[in-house]
C-alpha atoms as a PDB file:
ATOM      1  CA  UNK A   1       2.263  -6.441  12.576  1.00  0.00           C
ATOM      2  CA  UNK A   2       3.341  -8.938   9.353  1.00  0.00           C
ATOM      3  CA  UNK A   3       2.167  -7.354   5.717  1.00  0.00           C
ATOM      4  CA  UNK A   4      -0.853  -9.195   4.494  1.00  0.00           C
ATOM      5  CA  UNK A   5      -2.019 -10.100   0.906  1.00  0.00           C
ATOM      6  CA  UNK A   6      -5.698 -11.329   1.243  1.00  0.00           C
ATOM      7  CA  UNK A   7      -6.790 -12.830  -2.700  1.00  0.00           C
ATOM      8  CA  UNK A   8     -10.235 -13.838  -3.101  1.00  0.00           C
ATOM      9  CA  UNK A   9     -13.207 -12.695  -6.057  1.00  0.00           C
ATOM     10  CA  UNK A  10     -15.116  -9.661  -6.089  1.00  0.00           C
ATOM     11  CA  UNK A  11     -17.377  -9.408  -3.985  1.00  0.00           C
ATOM     12  CA  UNK A  12     -15.870 -11.943  -1.753  1.00  0.00           C
ATOM     13  CA  UNK A  13     -15.583 -10.017   1.635  1.00  0.00           C
ATOM     14  CA  UNK A  14     -12.035  -8.933   1.275  1.00  0.00           C
ATOM     15  CA  UNK A  15     -11.964  -5.545   2.894  1.00  0.00           C
ATOM     16  CA  UNK A  16     -14.062  -6.854   5.742  1.00  0.00           C
ATOM     17  CA  UNK A  17     -11.562  -9.568   6.484  1.00  0.00           C
ATOM     18  CA  UNK A  18      -8.728  -6.746   6.262  1.00  0.00           C
ATOM     19  CA  UNK A  19     -10.687  -4.786   8.667  1.00  0.00           C
ATOM     20  CA  UNK A  20     -11.179  -7.480  10.941  1.00  0.00           C
ATOM     21  CA  UNK A  21      -7.509  -8.159  10.904  1.00  0.00           C
ATOM     22  CA  UNK A  22      -6.977  -4.128  12.100  1.00  0.00           C
ATOM     23  CA  UNK A  23      -9.401  -4.447  14.705  1.00  0.00           C
ATOM     24  CA  UNK A  24      -7.876  -7.714  15.906  1.00  0.00           C
ATOM     25  CA  UNK A  25      -4.126  -5.368  16.266  1.00  0.00           C
ATOM     26  CA  UNK A  26      -2.569  -3.227  18.114  1.00  0.00           C
ATOM     27  CA  UNK A  27      -3.264  -0.294  15.778  1.00  0.00           C
ATOM     28  CA  UNK A  28      -6.720  -0.787  16.416  1.00  0.00           C
ATOM     29  CA  UNK A  29      -7.748   2.534  17.680  1.00  0.00           C
ATOM     30  CA  UNK A  30      -5.540   4.551  14.816  1.00  0.00           C
ATOM     31  CA  UNK A  31      -7.336   4.925  11.581  1.00  0.00           C
ATOM     32  CA  UNK A  32      -8.137   2.475   8.930  1.00  0.00           C
ATOM     33  CA  UNK A  33      -7.722   3.593   5.258  1.00  0.00           C
ATOM     34  CA  UNK A  34      -8.749   1.760   2.423  1.00  0.00           C
ATOM     35  CA  UNK A  35      -7.429   2.518  -1.014  1.00  0.00           C
ATOM     36  CA  UNK A  36      -8.775   0.729  -4.576  1.00  0.00           C
ATOM     37  CA  UNK A  37      -5.764   0.669  -6.451  1.00  0.00           C
ATOM     38  CA  UNK A  38      -7.400   0.510  -9.900  1.00  0.00           C
ATOM     39  CA  UNK A  39      -9.861   3.659  -9.389  1.00  0.00           C
ATOM     40  CA  UNK A  40      -6.785   5.752  -9.350  1.00  0.00           C
ATOM     41  CA  UNK A  41      -5.377   7.444 -12.569  1.00  0.00           C
ATOM     42  CA  UNK A  42      -2.481   6.961 -13.229  1.00  0.00           C
ATOM     43  CA  UNK A  43      -1.202  10.221 -13.264  1.00  0.00           C
ATOM     44  CA  UNK A  44      -2.000  10.595  -9.614  1.00  0.00           C
ATOM     45  CA  UNK A  45      -1.052   7.289  -8.090  1.00  0.00           C
ATOM     46  CA  UNK A  46       2.406   8.899  -6.765  1.00  0.00           C
ATOM     47  CA  UNK A  47      -0.340  11.865  -4.813  1.00  0.00           C
ATOM     48  CA  UNK A  48      -2.880   9.667  -3.572  1.00  0.00           C
ATOM     49  CA  UNK A  49       0.132   7.356  -1.986  1.00  0.00           C
ATOM     50  CA  UNK A  50       2.509   9.582  -0.641  1.00  0.00           C
ATOM     51  CA  UNK A  51       0.619  13.248  -1.096  1.00  0.00           C
ATOM     52  CA  UNK A  52       1.856  16.159  -2.771  1.00  0.00           C
ATOM     53  CA  UNK A  53       2.595  19.935  -2.115  1.00  0.00           C
ATOM     54  CA  UNK A  54       0.463  23.173  -3.161  1.00  0.00           C
ATOM     55  CA  UNK A  55       1.960  23.853  -6.372  1.00  0.00           C
ATOM     56  CA  UNK A  56       3.637  20.495  -7.307  1.00  0.00           C
ATOM     57  CA  UNK A  57       1.640  19.976 -10.673  1.00  0.00           C
ATOM     58  CA  UNK A  58      -1.305  21.788 -12.444  1.00  0.00           C
ATOM     59  CA  UNK A  59      -4.116  21.511  -9.956  1.00  0.00           C
ATOM     60  CA  UNK A  60      -2.298  21.003  -7.006  1.00  0.00           C
ATOM     61  CA  UNK A  61      -3.956  24.092  -5.585  1.00  0.00           C
ATOM     62  CA  UNK A  62      -3.112  22.918  -1.928  1.00  0.00           C
ATOM     63  CA  UNK A  63      -1.207  20.689  -0.191  1.00  0.00           C
ATOM     64  CA  UNK A  64      -2.527  17.046  -0.149  1.00  0.00           C
ATOM     65  CA  UNK A  65      -1.747  14.498   2.546  1.00  0.00           C
ATOM     66  CA  UNK A  66      -1.476  10.770   0.687  1.00  0.00           C
ATOM     67  CA  UNK A  67      -3.105   7.482   2.213  1.00  0.00           C
ATOM     68  CA  UNK A  68       0.709   6.471   4.030  1.00  0.00           C
ATOM     69  CA  UNK A  69       0.405   9.787   6.000  1.00  0.00           C
ATOM     70  CA  UNK A  70      -3.208   9.114   6.368  1.00  0.00           C
ATOM     71  CA  UNK A  71      -3.013   5.595   7.642  1.00  0.00           C
ATOM     72  CA  UNK A  72      -0.154   6.969  10.224  1.00  0.00           C
ATOM     73  CA  UNK A  73      -0.413   4.463  13.112  1.00  0.00           C
ATOM     74  CA  UNK A  74      -2.725   2.475  11.992  1.00  0.00           C
ATOM     75  CA  UNK A  75      -3.546  -0.132   8.847  1.00  0.00           C
ATOM     76  CA  UNK A  76      -3.526   1.068   5.205  1.00  0.00           C
ATOM     77  CA  UNK A  77      -5.473  -1.428   2.795  1.00  0.00           C
ATOM     78  CA  UNK A  78      -4.646  -1.489  -0.866  1.00  0.00           C
ATOM     79  CA  UNK A  79      -7.589  -3.171  -2.483  1.00  0.00           C
ATOM     80  CA  UNK A  80      -6.868  -4.675  -5.907  1.00  0.00           C
ATOM     81  CA  UNK A  81      -3.382  -3.926  -5.916  1.00  0.00           C
ATOM     82  CA  UNK A  82      -2.767  -5.691  -9.029  1.00  0.00           C
ATOM     83  CA  UNK A  83      -4.553  -2.982 -11.018  1.00  0.00           C
ATOM     84  CA  UNK A  84      -1.792  -0.127  -9.635  1.00  0.00           C
ATOM     85  CA  UNK A  85       0.167   0.478 -12.929  1.00  0.00           C
ATOM     86  CA  UNK A  86       3.567  -1.887 -12.584  1.00  0.00           C
ATOM     87  CA  UNK A  87       5.697   1.224 -12.878  1.00  0.00           C
ATOM     88  CA  UNK A  88       4.456   2.614  -9.917  1.00  0.00           C
ATOM     89  CA  UNK A  89       4.422  -0.504  -8.021  1.00  0.00           C
ATOM     90  CA  UNK A  90       8.085   0.363  -7.440  1.00  0.00           C
ATOM     91  CA  UNK A  91       7.694   3.217  -5.380  1.00  0.00           C
ATOM     92  CA  UNK A  92       5.579   1.297  -3.510  1.00  0.00           C
ATOM     93  CA  UNK A  93       8.137  -1.340  -2.789  1.00  0.00           C
ATOM     94  CA  UNK A  94      10.717   0.978  -2.095  1.00  0.00           C
ATOM     95  CA  UNK A  95       8.665   2.438   0.741  1.00  0.00           C
ATOM     96  CA  UNK A  96       8.355  -1.110   2.261  1.00  0.00           C
ATOM     97  CA  UNK A  97      11.659  -1.710   1.924  1.00  0.00           C
ATOM     98  CA  UNK A  98      13.306   1.360   3.299  1.00  0.00           C
ATOM     99  CA  UNK A  99      10.543   2.702   5.332  1.00  0.00           C
ATOM    100  CA  UNK A 100      11.084   5.935   3.619  1.00  0.00           C
ATOM    101  CA  UNK A 101       8.426   8.147   1.301  1.00  0.00           C
ATOM    102  CA  UNK A 102       8.456  11.783  -0.293  1.00  0.00           C
ATOM    103  CA  UNK A 103       5.282  13.652  -0.656  1.00  0.00           C
ATOM    104  CA  UNK A 104       5.118  15.098  -4.998  1.00  0.00           C
ATOM    105  CA  UNK A 105       7.071  18.316  -5.081  1.00  0.00           C
ATOM    106  CA  UNK A 106       8.782  18.265  -1.518  1.00  0.00           C
ATOM    107  CA  UNK A 107      12.372  17.471  -0.531  1.00  0.00           C
ATOM    108  CA  UNK A 108      11.110  16.203   2.630  1.00  0.00           C
ATOM    109  CA  UNK A 109      11.735  12.712   3.668  1.00  0.00           C
ATOM    110  CA  UNK A 110       8.797  11.407   6.256  1.00  0.00           C
ATOM    111  CA  UNK A 111       8.717   7.546   7.821  1.00  0.00           C
ATOM    112  CA  UNK A 112       6.144   5.337   6.930  1.00  0.00           C
ATOM    113  CA  UNK A 113       4.306   3.846  10.106  1.00  0.00           C
ATOM    114  CA  UNK A 114       1.344   2.266   9.352  1.00  0.00           C
ATOM    115  CA  UNK A 115       0.564  -1.816   8.434  1.00  0.00           C
ATOM    116  CA  UNK A 116      -0.053  -2.899   5.282  1.00  0.00           C
ATOM    117  CA  UNK A 117      -3.282  -5.043   4.098  1.00  0.00           C
ATOM    118  CA  UNK A 118      -3.415  -5.819  -0.350  1.00  0.00           C
ATOM    119  CA  UNK A 119      -5.666  -7.868  -1.914  1.00  0.00           C
ATOM    120  CA  UNK A 120      -6.482  -8.841  -5.296  1.00  0.00           C
ATOM    121  CA  UNK A 121      -8.929 -11.328  -7.327  1.00  0.00           C
ATOM    122  CA  UNK A 122      -6.065 -12.545  -9.452  1.00  0.00           C
ATOM    123  CA  UNK A 123      -4.260 -15.528  -8.957  1.00  0.00           C
ATOM    124  CA  UNK A 124      -0.880 -13.565  -7.507  1.00  0.00           C
ATOM    125  CA  UNK A 125       1.333 -16.323  -9.985  1.00  0.00           C
ATOM    126  CA  UNK A 126      -0.874 -15.282 -13.266  1.00  0.00           C
ATOM    127  CA  UNK A 127      -0.544 -11.682 -12.289  1.00  0.00           C
ATOM    128  CA  UNK A 128       3.044 -12.093 -12.340  1.00  0.00           C
ATOM    129  CA  UNK A 129       3.410 -14.131 -15.120  1.00  0.00           C
ATOM    130  CA  UNK A 130       1.706 -11.296 -17.081  1.00  0.00           C
ATOM    131  CA  UNK A 131       3.041  -8.867 -15.390  1.00  0.00           C
ATOM    132  CA  UNK A 132       0.647  -7.517 -13.464  1.00  0.00           C
ATOM    133  CA  UNK A 133       2.556  -7.538 -10.277  1.00  0.00           C
ATOM    134  CA  UNK A 134       6.049  -7.648  -9.428  1.00  0.00           C
ATOM    135  CA  UNK A 135       7.361 -10.703  -8.072  1.00  0.00           C
ATOM    136  CA  UNK A 136       9.585  -8.620  -5.354  1.00  0.00           C
ATOM    137  CA  UNK A 137       6.285  -6.507  -4.386  1.00  0.00           C
ATOM    138  CA  UNK A 138       4.451  -9.714  -4.213  1.00  0.00           C
ATOM    139  CA  UNK A 139       7.072 -11.336  -1.257  1.00  0.00           C
ATOM    140  CA  UNK A 140       7.438  -7.711   0.170  1.00  0.00           C
ATOM    141  CA  UNK A 141       2.938  -8.081   0.782  1.00  0.00           C
ATOM    142  CA  UNK A 142       2.488 -11.450   1.256  1.00  0.00           C
ATOM    143  CA  UNK A 143       4.175 -12.059   4.555  1.00  0.00           C
ATOM    144  CA  UNK A 144       0.953 -13.712   5.648  1.00  0.00           C
ATOM    145  CA  UNK A 145      -1.559 -14.573   2.458  1.00  0.00           C
ATOM    146  CA  UNK A 146      -4.833 -15.863   2.718  1.00  0.00           C
ATOM    147  CA  UNK A 147      -7.214 -16.965   0.446  1.00  0.00           C
ATOM    148  CA  UNK A 148     -10.742 -16.113   0.570  1.00  0.00           C
ATOM    149  CA  UNK A 149     -13.019 -18.823  -0.829  1.00  0.00           C
ATOM    150  CA  UNK A 150     -16.284 -17.980  -3.063  1.00  0.00           C
ATOM    151  CA  UNK A 151     -19.632 -17.683  -1.794  1.00  0.00           C
ATOM    152  CA  UNK A 152     -20.756 -20.625  -3.598  1.00  0.00           C
ATOM    153  CA  UNK A 153     -18.244 -23.105  -1.816  1.00  0.00           C
ATOM    154  CA  UNK A 154     -18.934 -21.935   1.513  1.00  0.00           C
ATOM    155  CA  UNK A 155     -21.962 -23.947   1.864  1.00  0.00           C
ATOM    156  CA  UNK A 156     -24.262 -22.629   5.171  1.00  0.00           C
ATOM    157  CA  UNK A 157     -22.843 -18.926   5.279  1.00  0.00           C
ATOM    158  CA  UNK A 158     -25.007 -18.242   2.640  1.00  0.00           C
ATOM    159  CA  UNK A 159     -28.054 -18.693   4.156  1.00  0.00           C
ATOM    160  CA  UNK A 160     -27.061 -17.181   7.590  1.00  0.00           C
ATOM    161  CA  UNK A 161     -25.734 -14.429   5.439  1.00  0.00           C
ATOM    162  CA  UNK A 162     -29.403 -13.578   3.960  1.00  0.00           C
ATOM    163  CA  UNK A 163     -30.701 -13.572   7.466  1.00  0.00           C
ATOM    164  CA  UNK A 164     -27.723 -11.488   9.012  1.00  0.00           C
ATOM    165  CA  UNK A 165     -28.456  -9.222   6.173  1.00  0.00           C
ATOM    166  CA  UNK A 166     -32.651  -9.270   6.777  1.00  0.00           C
ATOM    167  CA  UNK A 167     -31.693  -8.613  10.518  1.00  0.00           C
ATOM    168  CA  UNK A 168     -29.480  -6.003   9.614  1.00  0.00           C
ATOM    169  CA  UNK A 169     -32.255  -3.942   7.519  1.00  0.00           C
ATOM    170  CA  UNK A 170     -35.015  -4.789   9.694  1.00  0.00           C
ATOM    171  CA  UNK A 171     -32.995  -3.166  12.711  1.00  0.00           C
ATOM    172  CA  UNK A 172     -31.934  -0.090  10.970  1.00  0.00           C
ATOM    173  CA  UNK A 173     -35.158   0.589   9.763  1.00  0.00           C
ATOM    174  CA  UNK A 174     -37.650  -0.943  13.276  1.00  0.00           C
ATOM    175  CA  UNK A 175     -39.461  -3.703  10.671  1.00  0.00           C
ATOM    176  CA  UNK A 176     -39.755  -7.282  11.457  1.00  0.00           C
ATOM    177  CA  UNK A 177     -39.693  -8.834   7.569  1.00  0.00           C
ATOM    178  CA  UNK A 178     -39.106 -12.473   7.141  1.00  0.00           C
ATOM    179  CA  UNK A 179     -38.467 -14.861   4.646  1.00  0.00           C
ATOM    180  CA  UNK A 180     -39.699 -17.768   2.985  1.00  0.00           C
ATOM    181  CA  UNK A 181     -38.878 -21.121   2.484  1.00  0.00           C
ATOM    182  CA  UNK A 182     -39.794 -20.593  -1.385  1.00  0.00           C
ATOM    183  CA  UNK A 183     -37.307 -17.901  -1.312  1.00  0.00           C
ATOM    184  CA  UNK A 184     -34.362 -19.726   0.784  1.00  0.00           C
ATOM    185  CA  UNK A 185     -34.439 -22.357  -1.548  1.00  0.00           C
ATOM    186  CA  UNK A 186     -33.960 -20.178  -4.684  1.00  0.00           C
ATOM    187  CA  UNK A 187     -30.965 -18.320  -2.115  1.00  0.00           C
ATOM    188  CA  UNK A 188     -29.529 -22.117  -1.677  1.00  0.00           C
ATOM    189  CA  UNK A 189     -29.312 -23.231  -4.891  1.00  0.00           C
ATOM    190  CA  UNK A 190     -27.958 -19.962  -6.414  1.00  0.00           C
ATOM    191  CA  UNK A 191     -24.286 -20.182  -7.307  1.00  0.00           C
ATOM    192  CA  UNK A 192     -23.226 -16.110  -6.417  1.00  0.00           C
ATOM    193  CA  UNK A 193     -21.354 -15.611  -9.368  1.00  0.00           C
ATOM    194  CA  UNK A 194     -20.619 -11.927  -7.128  1.00  0.00           C
ATOM    195  CA  UNK A 195     -20.372 -13.382  -4.073  1.00  0.00           C
ATOM    196  CA  UNK A 196     -21.267 -11.968  -0.654  1.00  0.00           C
ATOM    197  CA  UNK A 197     -21.697  -8.625  -2.868  1.00  0.00           C
ATOM    198  CA  UNK A 198     -24.523 -10.017  -4.619  1.00  0.00           C
ATOM    199  CA  UNK A 199     -26.552 -11.655  -2.034  1.00  0.00           C
ATOM    200  CA  UNK A 200     -26.628  -8.381   0.061  1.00  0.00           C
ATOM    201  CA  UNK A 201     -27.936  -6.648  -3.165  1.00  0.00           C
ATOM    202  CA  UNK A 202     -29.959  -9.061  -3.842  1.00  0.00           C
ATOM    203  CA  UNK A 203     -31.869  -8.994   0.184  1.00  0.00           C
ATOM    204  CA  UNK A 204     -31.698  -5.397  -0.143  1.00  0.00           C
ATOM    205  CA  UNK A 205     -33.816  -5.552  -3.183  1.00  0.00           C
ATOM    206  CA  UNK A 206     -36.350  -8.224  -1.773  1.00  0.00           C
ATOM    207  CA  UNK A 207     -36.834  -6.123   1.215  1.00  0.00           C
ATOM    208  CA  UNK A 208     -37.369  -2.419  -0.958  1.00  0.00           C
ATOM    209  CA  UNK A 209     -40.120  -4.457  -3.365  1.00  0.00           C
ATOM    210  CA  UNK A 210     -41.434  -6.858  -0.553  1.00  0.00           C
ATOM    211  CA  UNK A 211     -44.947  -5.232   0.273  1.00  0.00           C
ATOM    212  CA  UNK A 212     -45.864  -7.050   2.922  1.00  0.00           C
ATOM    213  CA  UNK A 213     -44.016  -8.840   5.878  1.00  0.00           C
ATOM    214  CA  UNK A 214     -43.091 -12.055   4.261  1.00  0.00           C
ATOM    215  CA  UNK A 215     -39.960 -12.331   2.023  1.00  0.00           C
ATOM    216  CA  UNK A 216     -41.527 -14.165  -1.097  1.00  0.00           C
ATOM    217  CA  UNK A 217     -39.400 -15.844  -3.885  1.00  0.00           C
ATOM    218  CA  UNK A 218     -40.550 -13.539  -6.620  1.00  0.00           C
ATOM    219  CA  UNK A 219     -38.966 -10.519  -4.495  1.00  0.00           C
ATOM    220  CA  UNK A 220     -35.756 -11.791  -5.278  1.00  0.00           C
ATOM    221  CA  UNK A 221     -33.946 -10.565  -8.689  1.00  0.00           C
ATOM    222  CA  UNK A 222     -34.613 -12.440 -11.675  1.00  0.00           C
ATOM    223  CA  UNK A 223     -31.167 -13.438 -11.957  1.00  0.00           C
ATOM    224  CA  UNK A 224     -32.044 -16.052  -8.746  1.00  0.00           C
ATOM    225  CA  UNK A 225     -35.496 -17.470 -10.729  1.00  0.00           C
ATOM    226  CA  UNK A 226     -33.634 -19.506 -12.873  1.00  0.00           C
ATOM    227  CA  UNK A 227     -32.060 -21.778 -10.313  1.00  0.00           C
ATOM    228  CA  UNK A 228     -34.209 -24.927 -10.091  1.00  0.00           C
ATOM    229  CA  UNK A 229     -36.067 -26.422  -7.268  1.00  0.00           C
ATOM    230  CA  UNK A 230     -33.693 -29.476  -7.963  1.00  0.00           C
ATOM    231  CA  UNK A 231     -30.129 -27.490  -7.195  1.00  0.00           C
ATOM    232  CA  UNK A 232     -29.252 -26.548 -10.741  1.00  0.00           C
ATOM    233  CA  UNK A 233     -28.383 -23.318 -11.587  1.00  0.00           C
ATOM    234  CA  UNK A 234     -28.310 -21.917 -15.723  1.00  0.00           C
ATOM    235  CA  UNK A 235     -24.706 -21.160 -15.991  1.00  0.00           C
ATOM    236  CA  UNK A 236     -23.947 -17.911 -17.532  1.00  0.00           C
ATOM    237  CA  UNK A 237     -20.274 -16.284 -17.816  1.00  0.00           C
ATOM    238  CA  UNK A 238     -19.486 -14.136 -14.717  1.00  0.00           C
ATOM    239  CA  UNK A 239     -19.677 -11.190 -17.421  1.00  0.00           C
ATOM    240  CA  UNK A 240     -22.952 -12.376 -18.706  1.00  0.00           C
ATOM    241  CA  UNK A 241     -24.481 -12.643 -15.317  1.00  0.00           C
ATOM    242  CA  UNK A 242     -23.216  -9.438 -13.539  1.00  0.00           C
ATOM    243  CA  UNK A 243     -24.652  -7.613 -16.603  1.00  0.00           C
ATOM    244  CA  UNK A 244     -28.117  -9.350 -16.241  1.00  0.00           C
ATOM    245  CA  UNK A 245     -28.410  -8.682 -12.547  1.00  0.00           C
ATOM    246  CA  UNK A 246     -26.700  -5.132 -12.838  1.00  0.00           C
ATOM    247  CA  UNK A 247     -29.929  -4.631 -15.461  1.00  0.00           C
ATOM    248  CA  UNK A 248     -32.552  -6.430 -13.773  1.00  0.00           C
ATOM    249  CA  UNK A 249     -31.935  -4.013 -10.129  1.00  0.00           C
ATOM    250  CA  UNK A 250     -31.532  -0.524 -11.721  1.00  0.00           C
ATOM    251  CA  UNK A 251     -35.076  -1.393 -13.835  1.00  0.00           C
ATOM    252  CA  UNK A 252     -36.834  -2.315 -10.572  1.00  0.00           C
ATOM    253  CA  UNK A 253     -35.011   1.073  -8.784  1.00  0.00           C
ATOM    254  CA  UNK A 254     -36.535   2.775 -11.624  1.00  0.00           C
ATOM    255  CA  UNK A 255     -39.896   1.485 -11.267  1.00  0.00           C
ATOM    256  CA  UNK A 256     -39.588   1.762  -7.492  1.00  0.00           C
ATOM    257  CA  UNK A 257     -39.152   5.874  -7.921  1.00  0.00           C
ATOM    258  CA  UNK A 258     -41.577   5.733 -10.833  1.00  0.00           C
ATOM    259  CA  UNK A 259     -38.715   6.729 -13.644  1.00  0.00           C
ATOM    260  CA  UNK A 260     -37.388   8.901 -11.465  1.00  0.00           C
ATOM    261  CA  UNK A 261     -33.641   8.354 -12.006  1.00  0.00           C
ATOM    262  CA  UNK A 262     -31.856  10.950  -9.638  1.00  0.00           C
ATOM    263  CA  UNK A 263     -33.904   8.760  -6.655  1.00  0.00           C
ATOM    264  CA  UNK A 264     -33.169   5.460  -8.533  1.00  0.00           C
ATOM    265  CA  UNK A 265     -29.184   6.575  -8.139  1.00  0.00           C
ATOM    266  CA  UNK A 266     -29.447   7.520  -4.475  1.00  0.00           C
ATOM    267  CA  UNK A 267     -31.625   4.059  -3.464  1.00  0.00           C
ATOM    268  CA  UNK A 268     -28.912   2.228  -5.551  1.00  0.00           C
ATOM    269  CA  UNK A 269     -26.303   3.991  -3.559  1.00  0.00           C
END
C-alpha cells in the first residue's frame, strides 16, 4: 500500500514499472489509471484529479469523474508529477494527508481509496530546489523510491529488448523476421538518448522498411548509422538527437505512405 516514486529519464519505462507494481499488488483486479500531469491544462487540474459537477464552470456540460474516482480500489499513476503546477500540488498533498477530496462544484466529500505511484524525469532534490516539486509532497509520495537506470547503463538489456520487440511484431503480424549481426552491432554501440521508447521505435521502423526476412543495419534509423563498429557514438545533445530522430522517422513514414500525411500520422500512432 506504500506510495512509490519512480525516478528515471523519459522513455526508460517508468509506466511499465508502475503497471508491474500494480499487477503484483492486492489491487490488481481493480483499475490502473495513468495520467500525465504535464499534459493537463492548469485550469483543469482540479477537475481531472477530483472531478466536477455539471455547471461547475463554463464548459462543464456534464458531471465528470476525476482520476481518484476512476482509480477507486486500484492504482493511480501520476506521471511527470514535477510538471504539475506547484499551487495544485498542495491540493494533492491534502488528499494524501487526509484521504479526502471534493469534486469541483460539489459539497460532498469523497474518501480516496487508491494507491498512488508517481514518476518524474527530474532529480527530485533539484526539482525541490528549483520549485518544481513541494518538499512535503515529495516525502508523501516517496514512501518507497525507485530509480530506473537509462538504457545505456543496462548492458545486455538493450539486445534482449530489441529481440523482444521483433518477436512481438512477428507474433502480432504472423511474420518471422530476424535481425543480422550488422544491425545488432549498431544497436549495441548506440547510446540511446531516448531510452526504451527510442529502441522500440527503431525496431518498429526497421520492421516496416524491411522488405525481406532479415533486418539489416541500413533498415535502422539514420541516427544509428553514426555509431561506429569500434563502439563509439557521435555525441549529440539529448534535444538535438531526439529532434534528428523525430525528423528521420517522420520522413520515413511519409515515404512509406507516398506522402499521405494522414496515413503517416496513423502509422506513427
